[in-house]
N, C-alpha and C. Protein backbone atom coordinates (compact mmCIF):
# COMPACT_ATOMS: atom_id res chain seq x y z
N THR A 1 -0.45 19.60 -80.06
CA THR A 1 -1.84 19.14 -80.04
C THR A 1 -2.01 18.03 -81.06
N GLY A 2 -3.20 17.55 -81.19
CA GLY A 2 -3.46 16.45 -82.11
C GLY A 2 -3.77 16.92 -83.51
N ASP A 3 -2.90 17.78 -84.06
CA ASP A 3 -3.16 18.25 -85.40
C ASP A 3 -2.20 17.60 -86.39
N LEU A 4 -2.58 17.67 -87.66
CA LEU A 4 -1.71 17.15 -88.71
C LEU A 4 -0.62 18.17 -88.98
N ARG A 5 0.56 17.67 -89.25
CA ARG A 5 1.69 18.52 -89.55
C ARG A 5 2.53 17.87 -90.63
N CYS A 6 3.43 18.63 -91.15
CA CYS A 6 4.50 18.18 -92.03
C CYS A 6 4.03 17.98 -93.46
N GLY A 7 3.28 16.96 -93.75
CA GLY A 7 2.78 16.77 -95.10
C GLY A 7 3.02 15.39 -95.65
N GLU A 8 2.75 15.28 -96.93
CA GLU A 8 2.72 13.98 -97.61
C GLU A 8 4.05 13.24 -97.58
N ARG A 9 5.17 13.93 -97.61
CA ARG A 9 6.46 13.22 -97.58
C ARG A 9 6.60 12.44 -96.28
N ALA A 10 6.26 13.06 -95.17
CA ALA A 10 6.34 12.35 -93.89
C ALA A 10 5.33 11.22 -93.85
N TRP A 11 4.13 11.49 -94.32
CA TRP A 11 3.07 10.49 -94.23
C TRP A 11 3.32 9.30 -95.15
N SER A 12 3.92 9.55 -96.32
CA SER A 12 4.24 8.42 -97.19
C SER A 12 5.36 7.58 -96.58
N SER A 13 6.27 8.22 -95.82
CA SER A 13 7.31 7.44 -95.15
C SER A 13 6.71 6.56 -94.05
N LEU A 14 5.68 7.05 -93.38
CA LEU A 14 4.96 6.24 -92.38
C LEU A 14 4.30 5.05 -93.06
N GLU A 15 3.64 5.31 -94.18
CA GLU A 15 2.98 4.23 -94.91
C GLU A 15 3.99 3.18 -95.37
N ARG A 16 5.06 3.62 -96.01
CA ARG A 16 6.04 2.72 -96.61
C ARG A 16 6.88 1.98 -95.56
N ASN A 17 7.36 2.71 -94.54
CA ASN A 17 8.36 2.14 -93.64
C ASN A 17 7.82 1.66 -92.29
N VAL A 18 6.53 1.86 -92.04
CA VAL A 18 5.93 1.35 -90.81
C VAL A 18 4.71 0.49 -91.13
N LEU A 19 3.72 1.08 -91.77
CA LEU A 19 2.47 0.36 -92.01
C LEU A 19 2.67 -0.85 -92.92
N GLU A 20 3.26 -0.63 -94.09
CA GLU A 20 3.43 -1.74 -95.03
C GLU A 20 4.39 -2.80 -94.50
N VAL A 21 5.47 -2.38 -93.88
CA VAL A 21 6.48 -3.32 -93.36
C VAL A 21 5.85 -4.25 -92.32
N ASN A 22 4.91 -3.75 -91.55
CA ASN A 22 4.33 -4.53 -90.46
C ASN A 22 2.91 -5.01 -90.76
N ASN A 23 2.45 -4.77 -92.00
CA ASN A 23 1.07 -5.11 -92.35
C ASN A 23 0.12 -4.56 -91.27
N ALA A 24 0.32 -3.28 -90.95
CA ALA A 24 -0.34 -2.65 -89.81
C ALA A 24 -1.53 -1.79 -90.24
N ASP A 25 -2.44 -1.60 -89.33
CA ASP A 25 -3.55 -0.68 -89.50
C ASP A 25 -3.19 0.65 -88.85
N LEU A 26 -3.78 1.72 -89.37
CA LEU A 26 -3.53 3.06 -88.86
C LEU A 26 -4.78 3.59 -88.17
N ALA A 27 -4.59 4.12 -86.98
CA ALA A 27 -5.65 4.84 -86.28
C ALA A 27 -5.17 6.28 -86.13
N LEU A 28 -6.05 7.22 -86.47
CA LEU A 28 -5.73 8.63 -86.30
C LEU A 28 -6.52 9.20 -85.14
N MET A 29 -5.86 9.97 -84.32
CA MET A 29 -6.55 10.76 -83.31
C MET A 29 -6.01 12.17 -83.48
N VAL A 30 -6.71 12.93 -84.30
CA VAL A 30 -6.31 14.30 -84.60
C VAL A 30 -7.49 15.22 -84.34
N THR A 31 -7.17 16.48 -84.20
CA THR A 31 -8.20 17.46 -83.90
C THR A 31 -9.34 17.40 -84.93
N ALA A 32 -10.53 17.63 -84.47
CA ALA A 32 -11.70 17.63 -85.35
C ALA A 32 -11.67 18.83 -86.29
N LYS A 33 -10.89 19.86 -85.93
CA LYS A 33 -10.79 21.07 -86.75
C LYS A 33 -9.58 20.94 -87.67
N ILE A 34 -9.77 20.25 -88.79
CA ILE A 34 -8.68 20.02 -89.73
C ILE A 34 -8.46 21.29 -90.55
N LEU A 35 -7.21 21.71 -90.65
CA LEU A 35 -6.88 22.87 -91.47
C LEU A 35 -7.21 22.56 -92.93
N PRO A 36 -7.68 23.55 -93.68
CA PRO A 36 -8.07 23.31 -95.08
C PRO A 36 -7.00 22.61 -95.92
N ARG A 37 -5.72 22.94 -95.70
CA ARG A 37 -4.66 22.32 -96.52
C ARG A 37 -4.51 20.82 -96.26
N TYR A 38 -5.10 20.34 -95.16
CA TYR A 38 -4.99 18.91 -94.83
C TYR A 38 -6.30 18.14 -95.04
N GLN A 39 -7.31 18.78 -95.59
CA GLN A 39 -8.61 18.13 -95.76
C GLN A 39 -8.51 16.83 -96.55
N ASN A 40 -7.61 16.76 -97.53
CA ASN A 40 -7.49 15.58 -98.38
C ASN A 40 -6.20 14.81 -98.11
N ALA A 41 -5.71 14.87 -96.90
CA ALA A 41 -4.46 14.19 -96.53
C ALA A 41 -4.58 12.69 -96.74
N SER A 42 -3.50 12.09 -97.24
CA SER A 42 -3.48 10.64 -97.48
C SER A 42 -3.71 9.85 -96.19
N LEU A 43 -3.38 10.44 -95.05
CA LEU A 43 -3.57 9.73 -93.78
C LEU A 43 -5.03 9.32 -93.58
N PHE A 44 -5.96 10.16 -94.04
CA PHE A 44 -7.38 9.80 -93.89
C PHE A 44 -7.73 8.60 -94.75
N ARG A 45 -7.13 8.50 -95.92
CA ARG A 45 -7.36 7.35 -96.80
C ARG A 45 -6.74 6.09 -96.19
N LEU A 46 -5.59 6.24 -95.56
CA LEU A 46 -4.87 5.10 -94.99
C LEU A 46 -5.49 4.59 -93.68
N ALA A 47 -6.18 5.46 -92.98
CA ALA A 47 -6.64 5.14 -91.62
C ALA A 47 -7.80 4.15 -91.62
N LYS A 48 -7.64 3.12 -90.85
CA LYS A 48 -8.75 2.20 -90.59
C LYS A 48 -9.67 2.81 -89.53
N TYR A 49 -9.07 3.56 -88.61
CA TYR A 49 -9.81 4.23 -87.54
C TYR A 49 -9.50 5.72 -87.59
N ASN A 50 -10.51 6.54 -87.40
CA ASN A 50 -10.32 7.99 -87.34
C ASN A 50 -11.15 8.49 -86.17
N TRP A 51 -10.47 8.89 -85.11
CA TRP A 51 -11.13 9.34 -83.89
C TRP A 51 -10.85 10.82 -83.69
N PRO A 52 -11.80 11.68 -84.06
CA PRO A 52 -11.58 13.13 -83.89
C PRO A 52 -11.35 13.48 -82.42
N LEU A 53 -10.42 14.38 -82.21
CA LEU A 53 -10.04 14.81 -80.87
C LEU A 53 -10.63 16.18 -80.60
N THR A 54 -11.34 16.31 -79.51
CA THR A 54 -11.87 17.60 -79.10
C THR A 54 -10.72 18.49 -78.66
N GLU A 55 -10.71 19.72 -79.13
CA GLU A 55 -9.73 20.71 -78.69
C GLU A 55 -10.33 21.47 -77.52
N TYR A 56 -9.57 21.65 -76.48
CA TYR A 56 -10.02 22.38 -75.30
C TYR A 56 -9.28 23.70 -75.21
N ASP A 57 -10.00 24.76 -74.91
CA ASP A 57 -9.36 26.03 -74.65
C ASP A 57 -8.54 25.93 -73.36
N ASP A 58 -9.07 25.18 -72.42
CA ASP A 58 -8.39 24.93 -71.14
C ASP A 58 -8.38 23.42 -70.95
N TRP A 59 -7.22 22.81 -71.09
CA TRP A 59 -7.13 21.35 -71.03
C TRP A 59 -7.36 20.79 -69.63
N SER A 60 -7.51 21.64 -68.63
CA SER A 60 -7.90 21.13 -67.31
C SER A 60 -9.32 20.57 -67.39
N ASP A 61 -10.12 21.04 -68.35
CA ASP A 61 -11.46 20.46 -68.55
C ASP A 61 -11.36 19.00 -69.00
N ALA A 62 -10.35 18.70 -69.80
CA ALA A 62 -10.11 17.32 -70.22
C ALA A 62 -9.65 16.48 -69.03
N VAL A 63 -8.78 17.06 -68.20
CA VAL A 63 -8.31 16.35 -67.01
C VAL A 63 -9.49 16.05 -66.09
N ASP A 64 -10.45 16.97 -66.00
CA ASP A 64 -11.66 16.71 -65.21
C ASP A 64 -12.37 15.46 -65.69
N ILE A 65 -12.43 15.26 -67.01
CA ILE A 65 -13.08 14.07 -67.57
C ILE A 65 -12.39 12.82 -67.08
N MET A 66 -11.07 12.82 -67.09
CA MET A 66 -10.32 11.66 -66.62
C MET A 66 -10.63 11.36 -65.16
N PHE A 67 -10.60 12.40 -64.32
CA PHE A 67 -10.88 12.19 -62.90
C PHE A 67 -12.32 11.72 -62.69
N ARG A 68 -13.24 12.27 -63.44
CA ARG A 68 -14.65 11.86 -63.34
C ARG A 68 -14.81 10.40 -63.77
N ASN A 69 -14.13 9.99 -64.83
CA ASN A 69 -14.21 8.60 -65.31
C ASN A 69 -13.68 7.61 -64.29
N HIS A 70 -12.82 8.07 -63.43
CA HIS A 70 -12.21 7.18 -62.43
C HIS A 70 -12.71 7.48 -61.02
N ASN A 71 -13.87 8.13 -60.94
CA ASN A 71 -14.52 8.43 -59.66
C ASN A 71 -13.59 9.11 -58.67
N SER A 72 -12.79 10.00 -59.17
CA SER A 72 -11.90 10.76 -58.29
C SER A 72 -12.48 12.16 -58.10
N SER A 73 -11.97 12.82 -57.11
CA SER A 73 -12.48 14.17 -56.82
C SER A 73 -11.83 15.19 -57.75
N LYS A 74 -12.40 16.37 -57.78
CA LYS A 74 -11.83 17.46 -58.57
C LYS A 74 -10.76 18.21 -57.78
N SER A 75 -10.41 17.74 -56.62
CA SER A 75 -9.44 18.47 -55.80
C SER A 75 -8.06 18.51 -56.44
N TRP A 76 -7.87 17.80 -57.53
CA TRP A 76 -6.58 17.83 -58.20
C TRP A 76 -6.20 19.26 -58.57
N ARG A 77 -7.18 20.08 -58.93
CA ARG A 77 -6.89 21.46 -59.32
C ARG A 77 -6.29 22.24 -58.15
N GLN A 78 -6.93 22.19 -57.01
CA GLN A 78 -6.43 22.94 -55.86
C GLN A 78 -5.06 22.45 -55.45
N GLU A 79 -4.89 21.14 -55.41
CA GLU A 79 -3.60 20.58 -55.00
C GLU A 79 -2.50 20.94 -56.00
N LEU A 80 -2.81 20.83 -57.26
CA LEU A 80 -1.82 21.09 -58.29
C LEU A 80 -1.47 22.57 -58.37
N PHE A 81 -2.48 23.41 -58.44
CA PHE A 81 -2.22 24.83 -58.58
C PHE A 81 -1.53 25.41 -57.35
N ALA A 82 -1.74 24.79 -56.18
CA ALA A 82 -1.08 25.28 -54.97
C ALA A 82 0.41 24.99 -55.00
N SER A 83 0.83 23.95 -55.72
CA SER A 83 2.22 23.55 -55.67
C SER A 83 2.98 23.73 -56.99
N ALA A 84 2.28 23.96 -58.09
CA ALA A 84 2.95 24.02 -59.39
C ALA A 84 3.56 25.39 -59.65
N SER A 85 4.72 25.37 -60.23
CA SER A 85 5.39 26.61 -60.62
C SER A 85 4.75 27.15 -61.89
N PRO A 86 4.59 28.45 -62.01
CA PRO A 86 4.06 29.03 -63.25
C PRO A 86 4.92 28.72 -64.48
N GLU A 87 6.17 28.35 -64.25
CA GLU A 87 7.06 28.02 -65.36
C GLU A 87 6.99 26.55 -65.76
N SER A 88 6.18 25.75 -65.09
CA SER A 88 6.11 24.32 -65.35
C SER A 88 5.61 24.03 -66.75
N ILE A 89 6.39 23.25 -67.51
CA ILE A 89 5.92 22.84 -68.83
C ILE A 89 5.05 21.58 -68.74
N LEU A 90 5.06 20.93 -67.58
CA LEU A 90 4.26 19.72 -67.41
C LEU A 90 2.77 20.00 -67.48
N LEU A 91 2.39 21.24 -67.32
CA LEU A 91 0.96 21.59 -67.33
C LEU A 91 0.59 22.34 -68.60
N GLY A 92 1.43 22.27 -69.62
CA GLY A 92 1.19 23.00 -70.86
C GLY A 92 -0.18 22.72 -71.43
N GLY A 93 -0.95 23.79 -71.65
CA GLY A 93 -2.31 23.66 -72.16
C GLY A 93 -3.36 23.93 -71.11
N ILE A 94 -2.95 24.01 -69.85
CA ILE A 94 -3.88 24.24 -68.74
C ILE A 94 -3.83 25.71 -68.34
N ARG A 95 -4.99 26.27 -68.09
CA ARG A 95 -5.09 27.68 -67.66
C ARG A 95 -5.08 27.74 -66.12
N TYR A 96 -4.57 28.84 -65.60
CA TYR A 96 -4.56 29.05 -64.15
C TYR A 96 -4.65 30.55 -63.87
N LYS A 97 -5.01 30.88 -62.66
CA LYS A 97 -5.04 32.28 -62.24
C LYS A 97 -3.82 32.55 -61.37
N ASN A 98 -3.13 33.65 -61.67
CA ASN A 98 -1.97 33.99 -60.87
C ASN A 98 -2.40 34.68 -59.58
N ALA A 99 -1.44 35.12 -58.80
CA ALA A 99 -1.72 35.69 -57.48
C ALA A 99 -2.62 36.93 -57.56
N THR A 100 -2.59 37.64 -58.68
CA THR A 100 -3.42 38.83 -58.82
C THR A 100 -4.78 38.52 -59.46
N GLY A 101 -5.04 37.23 -59.75
CA GLY A 101 -6.31 36.84 -60.33
C GLY A 101 -6.34 36.88 -61.85
N HIS A 102 -5.22 37.23 -62.47
CA HIS A 102 -5.14 37.27 -63.93
C HIS A 102 -4.99 35.84 -64.47
N GLU A 103 -5.76 35.52 -65.51
CA GLU A 103 -5.71 34.17 -66.06
C GLU A 103 -4.54 34.03 -67.02
N ASN A 104 -3.78 32.95 -66.85
CA ASN A 104 -2.64 32.62 -67.69
C ASN A 104 -2.78 31.18 -68.18
N ARG A 105 -1.91 30.82 -69.10
CA ARG A 105 -1.88 29.44 -69.60
C ARG A 105 -0.45 28.94 -69.48
N TYR A 106 -0.30 27.74 -68.91
CA TYR A 106 1.03 27.14 -68.83
C TYR A 106 1.55 26.95 -70.25
N SER A 107 2.84 27.20 -70.44
CA SER A 107 3.42 27.04 -71.77
C SER A 107 3.70 25.56 -72.04
N GLY A 108 3.91 25.27 -73.29
CA GLY A 108 4.18 23.89 -73.68
C GLY A 108 2.89 23.14 -73.97
N SER A 109 3.02 21.83 -74.08
CA SER A 109 1.86 21.02 -74.45
C SER A 109 1.83 19.66 -73.76
N VAL A 110 2.53 19.51 -72.66
CA VAL A 110 2.61 18.20 -72.01
C VAL A 110 1.23 17.71 -71.56
N ALA A 111 0.43 18.56 -70.94
CA ALA A 111 -0.91 18.13 -70.50
C ALA A 111 -1.75 17.73 -71.70
N ILE A 112 -1.61 18.44 -72.80
CA ILE A 112 -2.34 18.11 -74.02
C ILE A 112 -1.91 16.74 -74.53
N GLN A 113 -0.62 16.50 -74.58
CA GLN A 113 -0.12 15.21 -75.04
C GLN A 113 -0.58 14.08 -74.13
N MET A 114 -0.51 14.29 -72.84
CA MET A 114 -0.92 13.24 -71.91
C MET A 114 -2.42 12.94 -72.02
N MET A 115 -3.23 13.97 -72.16
CA MET A 115 -4.67 13.74 -72.28
C MET A 115 -5.02 13.11 -73.63
N THR A 116 -4.29 13.45 -74.67
CA THR A 116 -4.50 12.80 -75.97
C THR A 116 -4.23 11.31 -75.84
N ARG A 117 -3.17 10.95 -75.13
CA ARG A 117 -2.87 9.53 -74.92
C ARG A 117 -3.93 8.86 -74.04
N TYR A 118 -4.44 9.60 -73.08
CA TYR A 118 -5.52 9.05 -72.25
C TYR A 118 -6.75 8.77 -73.11
N PHE A 119 -7.14 9.72 -73.95
CA PHE A 119 -8.31 9.51 -74.81
C PHE A 119 -8.06 8.38 -75.80
N LEU A 120 -6.83 8.23 -76.27
CA LEU A 120 -6.48 7.11 -77.14
C LEU A 120 -6.64 5.79 -76.41
N GLN A 121 -6.14 5.72 -75.19
CA GLN A 121 -6.28 4.51 -74.39
C GLN A 121 -7.75 4.16 -74.17
N GLN A 122 -8.58 5.16 -73.93
CA GLN A 122 -10.01 4.94 -73.74
C GLN A 122 -10.64 4.34 -74.99
N LYS A 123 -10.27 4.84 -76.17
CA LYS A 123 -10.80 4.31 -77.43
C LYS A 123 -10.37 2.86 -77.64
N ILE A 124 -9.11 2.59 -77.36
CA ILE A 124 -8.60 1.22 -77.52
C ILE A 124 -9.36 0.27 -76.61
N GLN A 125 -9.61 0.68 -75.37
CA GLN A 125 -10.37 -0.16 -74.45
C GLN A 125 -11.83 -0.29 -74.87
N GLN A 126 -12.43 0.83 -75.22
CA GLN A 126 -13.85 0.83 -75.61
C GLN A 126 -14.11 -0.10 -76.79
N LEU A 127 -13.21 -0.11 -77.76
CA LEU A 127 -13.38 -0.94 -78.95
C LEU A 127 -12.74 -2.33 -78.80
N ARG A 128 -12.18 -2.60 -77.61
CA ARG A 128 -11.55 -3.89 -77.31
C ARG A 128 -10.46 -4.25 -78.31
N LEU A 129 -9.69 -3.25 -78.68
CA LEU A 129 -8.67 -3.47 -79.69
C LEU A 129 -7.48 -4.27 -79.20
N THR A 130 -7.33 -4.41 -77.88
CA THR A 130 -6.26 -5.28 -77.38
C THR A 130 -6.56 -6.75 -77.65
N GLU A 131 -7.81 -7.04 -78.01
CA GLU A 131 -8.18 -8.40 -78.43
C GLU A 131 -7.92 -8.61 -79.92
N VAL A 132 -7.71 -7.53 -80.64
CA VAL A 132 -7.49 -7.58 -82.08
C VAL A 132 -6.01 -7.44 -82.42
N TYR A 133 -5.32 -6.55 -81.70
CA TYR A 133 -3.92 -6.23 -81.99
C TYR A 133 -3.05 -6.58 -80.79
N ASP A 134 -1.83 -7.05 -81.07
CA ASP A 134 -0.91 -7.35 -79.97
C ASP A 134 0.16 -6.28 -79.78
N LYS A 135 0.21 -5.31 -80.69
CA LYS A 135 1.17 -4.21 -80.57
C LYS A 135 0.51 -2.91 -81.02
N PHE A 136 0.92 -1.83 -80.38
CA PHE A 136 0.47 -0.49 -80.74
C PHE A 136 1.69 0.41 -80.83
N VAL A 137 1.79 1.17 -81.90
CA VAL A 137 2.85 2.16 -82.07
C VAL A 137 2.18 3.52 -81.96
N ILE A 138 2.63 4.32 -81.02
CA ILE A 138 2.08 5.66 -80.83
C ILE A 138 3.14 6.63 -81.31
N THR A 139 2.78 7.44 -82.28
CA THR A 139 3.74 8.35 -82.89
C THR A 139 3.04 9.65 -83.27
N ARG A 140 3.75 10.49 -83.96
CA ARG A 140 3.22 11.79 -84.38
C ARG A 140 3.18 11.84 -85.91
N ALA A 141 2.35 12.72 -86.43
CA ALA A 141 2.18 12.83 -87.88
C ALA A 141 3.36 13.52 -88.56
N ASP A 142 4.25 14.14 -87.81
CA ASP A 142 5.34 14.88 -88.44
C ASP A 142 6.68 14.16 -88.36
N HIS A 143 6.68 12.89 -88.08
CA HIS A 143 7.93 12.13 -88.08
C HIS A 143 8.21 11.57 -89.46
N TYR A 144 9.49 11.54 -89.83
CA TYR A 144 9.93 10.88 -91.06
C TYR A 144 10.50 9.53 -90.69
N TYR A 145 10.11 8.50 -91.41
CA TYR A 145 10.63 7.16 -91.21
C TYR A 145 11.51 6.85 -92.41
N LEU A 146 12.82 7.01 -92.24
CA LEU A 146 13.75 6.93 -93.36
C LEU A 146 14.15 5.51 -93.72
N CYS A 147 13.82 4.55 -92.86
CA CYS A 147 14.12 3.15 -93.15
C CYS A 147 13.00 2.30 -92.57
N PRO A 148 12.91 1.04 -92.98
CA PRO A 148 11.85 0.18 -92.45
C PRO A 148 11.96 0.00 -90.94
N HIS A 149 10.83 0.07 -90.28
CA HIS A 149 10.73 -0.13 -88.82
C HIS A 149 9.91 -1.38 -88.58
N ASN A 150 10.56 -2.52 -88.63
CA ASN A 150 9.87 -3.78 -88.45
C ASN A 150 9.77 -4.09 -86.95
N ILE A 151 8.55 -4.14 -86.44
CA ILE A 151 8.35 -4.39 -85.01
C ILE A 151 7.78 -5.78 -84.74
N THR A 152 7.69 -6.61 -85.77
CA THR A 152 7.02 -7.90 -85.60
C THR A 152 7.73 -8.80 -84.59
N ASN A 153 9.02 -8.63 -84.39
CA ASN A 153 9.75 -9.50 -83.45
C ASN A 153 9.82 -8.94 -82.03
N LEU A 154 9.30 -7.75 -81.80
CA LEU A 154 9.30 -7.20 -80.44
C LEU A 154 8.31 -7.98 -79.59
N GLN A 155 8.77 -8.43 -78.45
CA GLN A 155 7.94 -9.24 -77.57
C GLN A 155 7.27 -8.37 -76.52
N GLY A 156 6.10 -8.74 -76.09
CA GLY A 156 5.36 -8.01 -75.07
C GLY A 156 5.18 -8.86 -73.84
N PRO A 157 4.55 -8.39 -72.84
CA PRO A 157 4.04 -7.02 -72.75
C PRO A 157 5.13 -6.07 -72.26
N HIS A 158 5.56 -5.21 -73.15
CA HIS A 158 6.61 -4.24 -72.83
C HIS A 158 6.28 -2.91 -73.48
N LEU A 159 6.88 -1.89 -72.96
CA LEU A 159 6.86 -0.57 -73.59
C LEU A 159 8.23 -0.41 -74.22
N TRP A 160 8.26 -0.37 -75.54
CA TRP A 160 9.52 -0.25 -76.27
C TRP A 160 9.74 1.19 -76.66
N LEU A 161 10.92 1.72 -76.33
CA LEU A 161 11.29 3.09 -76.69
C LEU A 161 12.48 3.05 -77.62
N PRO A 162 12.48 3.86 -78.67
CA PRO A 162 13.64 3.91 -79.55
C PRO A 162 14.87 4.34 -78.77
N TYR A 163 16.02 3.83 -79.18
CA TYR A 163 17.28 4.18 -78.54
C TYR A 163 17.43 5.70 -78.51
N GLY A 164 17.78 6.23 -77.35
CA GLY A 164 18.00 7.67 -77.20
C GLY A 164 16.74 8.46 -76.88
N GLN A 165 15.59 7.78 -76.77
CA GLN A 165 14.33 8.49 -76.52
C GLN A 165 13.78 8.25 -75.13
N ASP A 166 14.53 7.66 -74.24
CA ASP A 166 14.02 7.37 -72.90
C ASP A 166 14.09 8.57 -71.96
N PHE A 167 14.96 9.52 -72.22
CA PHE A 167 15.09 10.77 -71.47
C PHE A 167 15.20 10.58 -69.96
N HIS A 168 15.42 9.37 -69.51
CA HIS A 168 15.64 9.08 -68.09
C HIS A 168 14.58 9.68 -67.19
N GLY A 169 13.33 9.77 -67.67
CA GLY A 169 12.28 10.45 -66.92
C GLY A 169 11.23 9.61 -66.37
């Protein structure tokens, strides 16, 4: 989910080896329910943008927002639930009813991650940030950046993936 993890060592590596190296601004999209131990996290001081993320008990409610924003029908639920395996991790975060009517939740967090990226894209468009910035790095709060990550020479419009992270998917 969009929560803070890891701690100051990871976040200082982000500041030192990504933000400072690229003279970059930081936007946070993390859950609005910040754990007490992270209330004073340096990331909040570093962030130029802070967009609280709504947590959903059932992330299919978030998917409904996306379909509604694009004037699509809600039939995605019937179509998806009719064909999706209960073991699917692609729907992680979404609740469903099994054959006996018992409510379950798909394991994993893929739907949560995808909807977080959708909400991020909406914020970028709403604030017209593509007119301000020519590159966006989307990452997680628990990554360590052990060396400088200079992206100034990467040319667009492309989606750049670190070596070994393409997963052929």
